[in-house]
Amino acid sequence: MRKIYFSFVSIVLLLTSMSFAAFGYFTAGVDSGSNRIVAANYTLDIQILQGEEDLYTSNTMTLAPGQYAVNLSYVEGSASTGFCKIEVGNQCYYTLQIGVDDNAENDFREKVSFTLIVEREISVKFVPIWGTSVYYGGDDPCYVRGDTLTIA
C-alpha cells in the first residue's frame, strides 16, 4: 500500500510541475518597446583653400604638392554629430567630432580647420560620417590632431 501511495504522490507532483512549466513556457515573453532604425543625413561643407582660391570640386580630388587650408563645417541635417574620414591611398585619417561634441567648449563644434601639407601629388577623398569615430583622441597615428596634417 505504501508503494501505491508513493507512486500516486509522485505522479501528482509530476503532473503539477509539468502544468506549471507549460504555463510558464506559453505565457513568457519579452517586450523591447518600440525600436526604430532610421537613416541619418550628415553633410559637411568642405573647403580646400590654396591662398584665397577654393580648389574643392568633389569629395575625391587630386592635389599637387603644396600647402592647403582645409575647413570642414557642419551643415544641419538629421544627424547632429559626425566626423570626416580623409582617405589618401590606403591610409585613412579621422578628424575631431563636428557637430554636437561633449568635448567642445560649448558642446558644439561647427567647424574643424587644419593645414594640409602635401609633399607629392596625391588623390584625397573626404568622407563625412555621422556618429562618433573610434579614433576620437588618444595616440592613434590616424587621428588628425593639432593644426597640421603632413602627407609625404
N, C-alpha and C. Protein backbone atom coordinates (compact mmCIF):
# COMPACT_ATOMS: atom_id res chain seq x y z
N MET A 1 0.81 -1.18 0.00
CA MET A 1 0.00 0.00 0.00
C MET A 1 0.87 1.27 0.00
N ARG A 2 1.96 1.17 0.70
CA ARG A 2 2.86 2.30 0.76
C ARG A 2 3.44 2.62 -0.61
N LYS A 3 3.75 1.60 -1.38
CA LYS A 3 4.32 1.82 -2.71
C LYS A 3 3.29 2.47 -3.63
N ILE A 4 2.03 2.09 -3.51
CA ILE A 4 0.99 2.69 -4.34
C ILE A 4 0.82 4.18 -3.96
N TYR A 5 0.80 4.47 -2.66
CA TYR A 5 0.68 5.85 -2.20
C TYR A 5 1.86 6.69 -2.71
N PHE A 6 3.08 6.19 -2.60
CA PHE A 6 4.27 6.90 -3.07
C PHE A 6 4.19 7.14 -4.58
N SER A 7 3.75 6.16 -5.34
CA SER A 7 3.61 6.29 -6.79
C SER A 7 2.55 7.34 -7.13
N PHE A 8 1.42 7.31 -6.41
CA PHE A 8 0.36 8.27 -6.65
C PHE A 8 0.82 9.70 -6.37
N VAL A 9 1.52 9.93 -5.27
CA VAL A 9 2.03 11.26 -4.91
C VAL A 9 3.07 11.71 -5.94
N SER A 10 3.90 10.82 -6.39
CA SER A 10 4.92 11.15 -7.39
C SER A 10 4.27 11.58 -8.69
N ILE A 11 3.22 10.87 -9.12
CA ILE A 11 2.52 11.22 -10.37
C ILE A 11 1.84 12.57 -10.23
N VAL A 12 1.21 12.86 -9.10
CA VAL A 12 0.56 14.15 -8.88
C VAL A 12 1.59 15.28 -8.91
N LEU A 13 2.72 15.10 -8.24
CA LEU A 13 3.77 16.13 -8.25
C LEU A 13 4.31 16.35 -9.67
N LEU A 14 4.50 15.28 -10.40
CA LEU A 14 5.00 15.37 -11.77
C LEU A 14 4.01 16.13 -12.65
N LEU A 15 2.73 15.80 -12.56
CA LEU A 15 1.71 16.48 -13.36
C LEU A 15 1.59 17.96 -12.96
N THR A 16 1.69 18.26 -11.69
CA THR A 16 1.62 19.64 -11.22
C THR A 16 2.80 20.45 -11.76
N SER A 17 3.99 19.90 -11.65
CA SER A 17 5.17 20.63 -12.13
C SER A 17 5.14 20.77 -13.65
N MET A 18 4.64 19.77 -14.36
CA MET A 18 4.54 19.87 -15.82
C MET A 18 3.53 20.96 -16.21
N SER A 19 2.43 21.07 -15.48
CA SER A 19 1.45 22.10 -15.83
C SER A 19 2.00 23.49 -15.54
N PHE A 20 2.76 23.68 -14.47
CA PHE A 20 3.38 24.98 -14.21
C PHE A 20 4.43 25.30 -15.28
N ALA A 21 5.19 24.32 -15.69
CA ALA A 21 6.20 24.53 -16.73
C ALA A 21 5.53 24.91 -18.05
N ALA A 22 4.47 24.22 -18.42
CA ALA A 22 3.76 24.54 -19.66
C ALA A 22 3.16 25.94 -19.59
N PHE A 23 2.57 26.31 -18.45
CA PHE A 23 2.01 27.65 -18.27
C PHE A 23 3.10 28.71 -18.45
N GLY A 24 4.24 28.50 -17.81
CA GLY A 24 5.34 29.46 -17.91
C GLY A 24 5.89 29.55 -19.33
N TYR A 25 5.99 28.43 -20.00
CA TYR A 25 6.53 28.40 -21.36
C TYR A 25 5.63 29.19 -22.32
N PHE A 26 4.33 29.00 -22.22
CA PHE A 26 3.41 29.62 -23.17
C PHE A 26 3.01 31.04 -22.81
N THR A 27 3.29 31.50 -21.62
CA THR A 27 2.92 32.86 -21.23
C THR A 27 4.10 33.80 -21.12
N ALA A 28 5.33 33.29 -21.16
CA ALA A 28 6.52 34.15 -21.03
C ALA A 28 6.71 34.95 -22.33
N GLY A 29 7.25 36.14 -22.20
CA GLY A 29 7.52 36.97 -23.37
C GLY A 29 8.49 38.06 -23.01
N VAL A 30 9.04 38.69 -24.04
CA VAL A 30 9.96 39.79 -23.87
C VAL A 30 9.44 40.96 -24.68
N ASP A 31 9.40 42.13 -24.06
CA ASP A 31 8.95 43.33 -24.75
C ASP A 31 10.13 44.28 -24.83
N SER A 32 10.53 44.62 -26.03
CA SER A 32 11.67 45.52 -26.20
C SER A 32 11.23 46.94 -26.51
N GLY A 33 9.97 47.21 -26.37
CA GLY A 33 9.49 48.57 -26.64
C GLY A 33 9.37 48.79 -28.14
N SER A 34 9.42 50.02 -28.54
CA SER A 34 9.30 50.34 -29.96
C SER A 34 10.67 50.75 -30.49
N ASN A 35 11.36 49.83 -31.07
CA ASN A 35 12.67 50.10 -31.66
C ASN A 35 12.49 50.51 -33.11
N ARG A 36 13.20 51.58 -33.50
CA ARG A 36 13.13 52.03 -34.88
C ARG A 36 14.55 52.24 -35.38
N ILE A 37 14.76 51.88 -36.60
CA ILE A 37 16.03 52.17 -37.25
C ILE A 37 15.73 53.20 -38.33
N VAL A 38 16.43 54.33 -38.23
CA VAL A 38 16.20 55.39 -39.21
C VAL A 38 17.53 55.80 -39.83
N ALA A 39 17.46 56.21 -41.06
CA ALA A 39 18.66 56.68 -41.75
C ALA A 39 18.96 58.10 -41.30
N ALA A 40 20.23 58.44 -41.29
CA ALA A 40 20.63 59.79 -40.91
C ALA A 40 21.32 60.46 -42.09
N ASN A 41 21.21 61.75 -42.13
CA ASN A 41 21.85 62.53 -43.17
C ASN A 41 22.87 63.45 -42.50
N TYR A 42 24.14 63.26 -42.83
CA TYR A 42 25.20 64.08 -42.24
C TYR A 42 26.01 64.67 -43.39
N THR A 43 26.07 65.99 -43.43
CA THR A 43 26.73 66.68 -44.53
C THR A 43 27.74 67.67 -43.97
N LEU A 44 28.85 67.78 -44.67
CA LEU A 44 29.86 68.77 -44.32
C LEU A 44 30.06 69.71 -45.51
N ASP A 45 30.29 70.97 -45.20
CA ASP A 45 30.72 71.93 -46.22
C ASP A 45 32.24 71.86 -46.21
N ILE A 46 32.83 71.49 -47.34
CA ILE A 46 34.28 71.27 -47.42
C ILE A 46 34.92 72.37 -48.25
N GLN A 47 35.95 73.00 -47.69
CA GLN A 47 36.75 73.99 -48.41
C GLN A 47 38.20 73.54 -48.39
N ILE A 48 38.84 73.59 -49.55
CA ILE A 48 40.28 73.34 -49.64
C ILE A 48 40.87 74.58 -50.30
N LEU A 49 41.51 75.40 -49.49
CA LEU A 49 42.00 76.68 -49.97
C LEU A 49 43.50 76.66 -50.19
N GLN A 50 43.89 77.21 -51.33
CA GLN A 50 45.31 77.48 -51.57
C GLN A 50 45.38 78.97 -51.82
N GLY A 51 45.83 79.69 -50.81
CA GLY A 51 45.71 81.14 -50.84
C GLY A 51 44.25 81.49 -50.62
N GLU A 52 43.67 82.27 -51.51
CA GLU A 52 42.25 82.64 -51.43
C GLU A 52 41.38 81.75 -52.31
N GLU A 53 42.00 80.92 -53.15
CA GLU A 53 41.25 80.11 -54.12
C GLU A 53 40.76 78.81 -53.50
N ASP A 54 39.45 78.56 -53.63
CA ASP A 54 38.86 77.30 -53.14
C ASP A 54 38.98 76.27 -54.25
N LEU A 55 39.76 75.23 -54.00
CA LEU A 55 40.03 74.20 -55.02
C LEU A 55 39.05 73.04 -54.95
N TYR A 56 38.18 73.01 -53.97
CA TYR A 56 37.29 71.87 -53.78
C TYR A 56 36.32 71.74 -54.95
N THR A 57 36.31 70.54 -55.57
CA THR A 57 35.39 70.27 -56.68
C THR A 57 34.49 69.08 -56.39
N SER A 58 35.02 68.08 -55.68
CA SER A 58 34.23 66.89 -55.34
C SER A 58 34.88 66.22 -54.14
N ASN A 59 34.22 65.20 -53.59
CA ASN A 59 34.78 64.53 -52.41
C ASN A 59 36.09 63.83 -52.72
N THR A 60 36.33 63.45 -53.99
CA THR A 60 37.60 62.84 -54.38
C THR A 60 38.29 63.77 -55.37
N MET A 61 39.53 64.13 -55.06
CA MET A 61 40.26 65.02 -55.95
C MET A 61 41.77 64.80 -55.82
N THR A 62 42.49 65.28 -56.81
CA THR A 62 43.95 65.16 -56.83
C THR A 62 44.56 66.50 -56.41
N LEU A 63 45.50 66.42 -55.49
CA LEU A 63 46.18 67.63 -55.02
C LEU A 63 47.66 67.56 -55.38
N ALA A 64 48.18 68.65 -55.89
CA ALA A 64 49.60 68.77 -56.21
C ALA A 64 50.37 69.08 -54.93
N PRO A 65 51.69 68.91 -54.94
CA PRO A 65 52.47 69.28 -53.76
C PRO A 65 52.23 70.74 -53.39
N GLY A 66 52.10 70.99 -52.09
CA GLY A 66 51.86 72.35 -51.63
C GLY A 66 51.20 72.35 -50.27
N GLN A 67 50.77 73.53 -49.87
CA GLN A 67 50.14 73.71 -48.56
C GLN A 67 48.72 74.20 -48.79
N TYR A 68 47.77 73.55 -48.10
CA TYR A 68 46.35 73.84 -48.28
C TYR A 68 45.69 74.08 -46.92
N ALA A 69 44.78 75.03 -46.88
CA ALA A 69 43.96 75.24 -45.68
C ALA A 69 42.66 74.47 -45.89
N VAL A 70 42.36 73.54 -44.99
CA VAL A 70 41.16 72.72 -45.10
C VAL A 70 40.18 73.15 -44.00
N ASN A 71 38.96 73.46 -44.42
CA ASN A 71 37.89 73.85 -43.49
C ASN A 71 36.72 72.88 -43.69
N LEU A 72 36.32 72.21 -42.61
CA LEU A 72 35.20 71.29 -42.64
C LEU A 72 34.13 71.85 -41.71
N SER A 73 32.98 72.22 -42.26
CA SER A 73 31.93 72.87 -41.47
C SER A 73 30.67 72.02 -41.45
N TYR A 74 30.04 71.97 -40.29
CA TYR A 74 28.80 71.22 -40.10
C TYR A 74 27.65 71.89 -40.85
N VAL A 75 26.89 71.09 -41.60
CA VAL A 75 25.68 71.55 -42.27
C VAL A 75 24.52 70.83 -41.60
N GLU A 76 23.53 71.59 -41.13
CA GLU A 76 22.45 70.98 -40.36
C GLU A 76 21.74 69.90 -41.17
N GLY A 77 21.54 68.74 -40.52
CA GLY A 77 20.85 67.62 -41.14
C GLY A 77 20.19 66.79 -40.07
N SER A 78 19.78 65.57 -40.42
CA SER A 78 19.10 64.73 -39.43
C SER A 78 20.07 64.15 -38.40
N ALA A 79 21.36 64.06 -38.72
CA ALA A 79 22.37 63.62 -37.75
C ALA A 79 23.00 64.86 -37.12
N SER A 80 23.13 64.86 -35.80
CA SER A 80 23.62 66.05 -35.12
C SER A 80 25.12 66.04 -34.89
N THR A 81 25.77 64.92 -35.16
CA THR A 81 27.21 64.87 -34.96
C THR A 81 27.84 63.86 -35.91
N GLY A 82 29.11 64.06 -36.16
CA GLY A 82 29.86 63.16 -37.02
C GLY A 82 31.30 63.60 -37.09
N PHE A 83 32.00 63.09 -38.08
CA PHE A 83 33.40 63.43 -38.27
C PHE A 83 33.71 63.25 -39.74
N CYS A 84 34.92 63.53 -40.13
CA CYS A 84 35.32 63.36 -41.53
C CYS A 84 36.47 62.36 -41.60
N LYS A 85 36.32 61.39 -42.48
CA LYS A 85 37.40 60.45 -42.76
C LYS A 85 38.09 60.95 -44.02
N ILE A 86 39.40 61.06 -43.95
CA ILE A 86 40.20 61.55 -45.08
C ILE A 86 41.03 60.38 -45.58
N GLU A 87 40.74 59.94 -46.80
CA GLU A 87 41.43 58.78 -47.38
C GLU A 87 42.50 59.25 -48.35
N VAL A 88 43.73 58.79 -48.12
CA VAL A 88 44.86 59.07 -49.00
C VAL A 88 45.49 57.73 -49.33
N GLY A 89 45.22 57.20 -50.53
CA GLY A 89 45.70 55.85 -50.87
C GLY A 89 45.08 54.84 -49.92
N ASN A 90 45.92 54.03 -49.29
CA ASN A 90 45.45 53.03 -48.32
C ASN A 90 45.40 53.57 -46.90
N GLN A 91 45.82 54.81 -46.70
CA GLN A 91 45.86 55.41 -45.36
C GLN A 91 44.61 56.26 -45.12
N CYS A 92 44.05 56.16 -43.92
CA CYS A 92 42.88 56.96 -43.54
C CYS A 92 43.22 57.82 -42.33
N TYR A 93 42.69 59.01 -42.31
CA TYR A 93 42.84 59.94 -41.19
C TYR A 93 41.45 60.35 -40.74
N TYR A 94 41.29 60.64 -39.43
CA TYR A 94 39.99 60.95 -38.86
C TYR A 94 40.07 62.26 -38.09
N THR A 95 39.05 63.10 -38.26
CA THR A 95 39.03 64.41 -37.59
C THR A 95 38.33 64.33 -36.24
N LEU A 96 38.34 65.45 -35.55
CA LEU A 96 37.53 65.63 -34.34
C LEU A 96 36.06 65.52 -34.72
N GLN A 97 35.20 65.40 -33.69
CA GLN A 97 33.76 65.45 -33.93
C GLN A 97 33.40 66.83 -34.46
N ILE A 98 32.49 66.85 -35.41
CA ILE A 98 31.97 68.10 -35.96
C ILE A 98 30.47 68.06 -35.77
N GLY A 99 29.93 69.01 -35.04
CA GLY A 99 28.52 69.00 -34.65
C GLY A 99 28.46 68.94 -33.14
N VAL A 100 27.50 68.23 -32.58
CA VAL A 100 27.39 68.10 -31.13
C VAL A 100 28.60 67.31 -30.62
N ASP A 101 29.29 67.85 -29.63
CA ASP A 101 30.50 67.23 -29.12
C ASP A 101 30.68 67.59 -27.64
N ASP A 102 30.59 66.60 -26.76
CA ASP A 102 30.73 66.85 -25.32
C ASP A 102 32.09 67.40 -24.95
N ASN A 103 33.09 67.20 -25.82
CA ASN A 103 34.44 67.67 -25.50
C ASN A 103 34.72 69.08 -26.01
N ALA A 104 33.79 69.65 -26.76
CA ALA A 104 33.97 71.02 -27.23
C ALA A 104 33.63 71.99 -26.10
N GLU A 105 34.12 73.20 -26.22
CA GLU A 105 33.95 74.18 -25.16
C GLU A 105 32.47 74.45 -24.85
N ASN A 106 31.63 74.54 -25.89
CA ASN A 106 30.21 74.80 -25.68
C ASN A 106 29.35 73.61 -26.13
N ASP A 107 29.92 72.41 -26.13
CA ASP A 107 29.26 71.17 -26.55
C ASP A 107 28.86 71.16 -28.02
N PHE A 108 29.38 72.08 -28.81
CA PHE A 108 29.08 72.09 -30.23
C PHE A 108 30.28 72.63 -30.99
N ARG A 109 30.76 71.88 -31.95
CA ARG A 109 31.89 72.30 -32.77
C ARG A 109 31.38 72.42 -34.21
N GLU A 110 31.23 73.63 -34.68
CA GLU A 110 30.68 73.86 -36.00
C GLU A 110 31.70 73.64 -37.11
N LYS A 111 32.99 73.75 -36.77
CA LYS A 111 34.00 73.75 -37.82
C LYS A 111 35.30 73.14 -37.32
N VAL A 112 35.95 72.38 -38.17
CA VAL A 112 37.30 71.89 -37.91
C VAL A 112 38.18 72.40 -39.03
N SER A 113 39.27 73.03 -38.70
CA SER A 113 40.20 73.56 -39.69
C SER A 113 41.60 73.05 -39.41
N PHE A 114 42.33 72.75 -40.48
CA PHE A 114 43.72 72.35 -40.32
C PHE A 114 44.46 72.64 -41.61
N THR A 115 45.78 72.64 -41.53
CA THR A 115 46.63 72.85 -42.70
C THR A 115 47.07 71.48 -43.22
N LEU A 116 46.86 71.25 -44.50
CA LEU A 116 47.25 70.00 -45.15
C LEU A 116 48.51 70.29 -45.97
N ILE A 117 49.60 69.63 -45.60
CA ILE A 117 50.86 69.79 -46.34
C ILE A 117 51.06 68.53 -47.17
N VAL A 118 51.12 68.71 -48.48
CA VAL A 118 51.25 67.59 -49.42
C VAL A 118 52.64 67.66 -50.03
N GLU A 119 53.40 66.58 -49.91
CA GLU A 119 54.78 66.57 -50.40
C GLU A 119 54.92 65.88 -51.76
N ARG A 120 53.87 65.23 -52.23
CA ARG A 120 53.85 64.62 -53.57
C ARG A 120 52.41 64.65 -54.06
N GLU A 121 52.20 64.51 -55.35
CA GLU A 121 50.83 64.52 -55.87
C GLU A 121 50.05 63.34 -55.31
N ILE A 122 48.87 63.62 -54.78
CA ILE A 122 48.06 62.59 -54.14
C ILE A 122 46.61 62.70 -54.58
N SER A 123 45.90 61.59 -54.45
CA SER A 123 44.46 61.58 -54.59
C SER A 123 43.90 61.52 -53.18
N VAL A 124 43.03 62.44 -52.85
CA VAL A 124 42.49 62.52 -51.50
C VAL A 124 40.97 62.49 -51.58
N LYS A 125 40.37 61.79 -50.62
CA LYS A 125 38.91 61.66 -50.58
C LYS A 125 38.42 62.07 -49.20
N PHE A 126 37.42 62.95 -49.16
CA PHE A 126 36.82 63.41 -47.91
C PHE A 126 35.46 62.73 -47.77
N VAL A 127 35.28 61.97 -46.67
CA VAL A 127 34.04 61.21 -46.46
C VAL A 127 33.39 61.65 -45.15
N PRO A 128 32.27 62.41 -45.21
CA PRO A 128 31.55 62.74 -43.98
C PRO A 128 30.86 61.50 -43.43
N ILE A 129 31.01 61.24 -42.13
CA ILE A 129 30.42 60.06 -41.49
C ILE A 129 29.71 60.50 -40.22
N TRP A 130 28.43 60.14 -40.09
CA TRP A 130 27.70 60.51 -38.87
C TRP A 130 28.02 59.51 -37.77
N GLY A 131 27.90 59.97 -36.53
CA GLY A 131 28.22 59.13 -35.38
C GLY A 131 29.51 59.58 -34.73
N THR A 132 30.09 58.71 -33.94
CA THR A 132 31.33 59.02 -33.24
C THR A 132 32.45 58.13 -33.75
N SER A 133 33.59 58.72 -34.01
CA SER A 133 34.74 57.99 -34.51
C SER A 133 35.39 57.17 -33.40
N VAL A 134 35.83 55.96 -33.74
CA VAL A 134 36.59 55.16 -32.77
C VAL A 134 37.98 55.74 -32.60
N TYR A 135 38.39 56.64 -33.50
CA TYR A 135 39.71 57.24 -33.43
C TYR A 135 39.67 58.58 -32.71
N TYR A 136 38.64 58.82 -31.92
CA TYR A 136 38.49 60.10 -31.25
C TYR A 136 39.53 60.23 -30.14
N GLY A 137 40.51 61.05 -30.37
CA GLY A 137 41.54 61.29 -29.35
C GLY A 137 42.55 60.17 -29.27
N GLY A 138 43.29 60.15 -28.20
CA GLY A 138 44.28 59.10 -28.00
C GLY A 138 45.53 59.31 -28.82
N ASP A 139 46.33 58.25 -28.90
CA ASP A 139 47.62 58.33 -29.58
C ASP A 139 47.61 57.69 -30.96
N ASP A 140 46.46 57.38 -31.50
CA ASP A 140 46.40 56.73 -32.79
C ASP A 140 46.98 57.64 -33.87
N PRO A 141 47.89 57.12 -34.71
CA PRO A 141 48.51 57.97 -35.74
C PRO A 141 47.52 58.40 -36.82
N CYS A 142 46.35 57.78 -36.90
CA CYS A 142 45.35 58.13 -37.91
C CYS A 142 44.48 59.30 -37.50
N TYR A 143 44.63 59.77 -36.28
CA TYR A 143 43.79 60.84 -35.76
C TYR A 143 44.41 62.19 -36.10
N VAL A 144 43.64 63.04 -36.77
CA VAL A 144 44.13 64.38 -37.12
C VAL A 144 44.06 65.23 -35.86
N ARG A 145 45.23 65.52 -35.28
CA ARG A 145 45.25 66.36 -34.10
C ARG A 145 46.11 67.58 -34.38
N GLY A 146 45.80 68.61 -33.68
CA GLY A 146 46.57 69.84 -33.90
C GLY A 146 46.10 70.56 -35.16
N ASP A 147 46.98 71.36 -35.69
CA ASP A 147 46.62 72.22 -36.80
C ASP A 147 47.18 71.77 -38.13
N THR A 148 48.02 70.71 -38.15
CA THR A 148 48.69 70.35 -39.39
C THR A 148 48.62 68.84 -39.64
N LEU A 149 48.36 68.48 -40.90
CA LEU A 149 48.43 67.10 -41.35
C LEU A 149 49.40 67.08 -42.52
N THR A 150 50.52 66.35 -42.36
CA THR A 150 51.52 66.28 -43.42
C THR A 150 51.45 64.92 -44.07
N ILE A 151 51.36 64.91 -45.41
CA ILE A 151 51.31 63.66 -46.17
C ILE A 151 52.53 63.63 -47.07
N ALA A 152 53.43 62.70 -46.77
CA ALA A 152 54.69 62.59 -47.52
C ALA A 152 54.51 61.72 -48.74
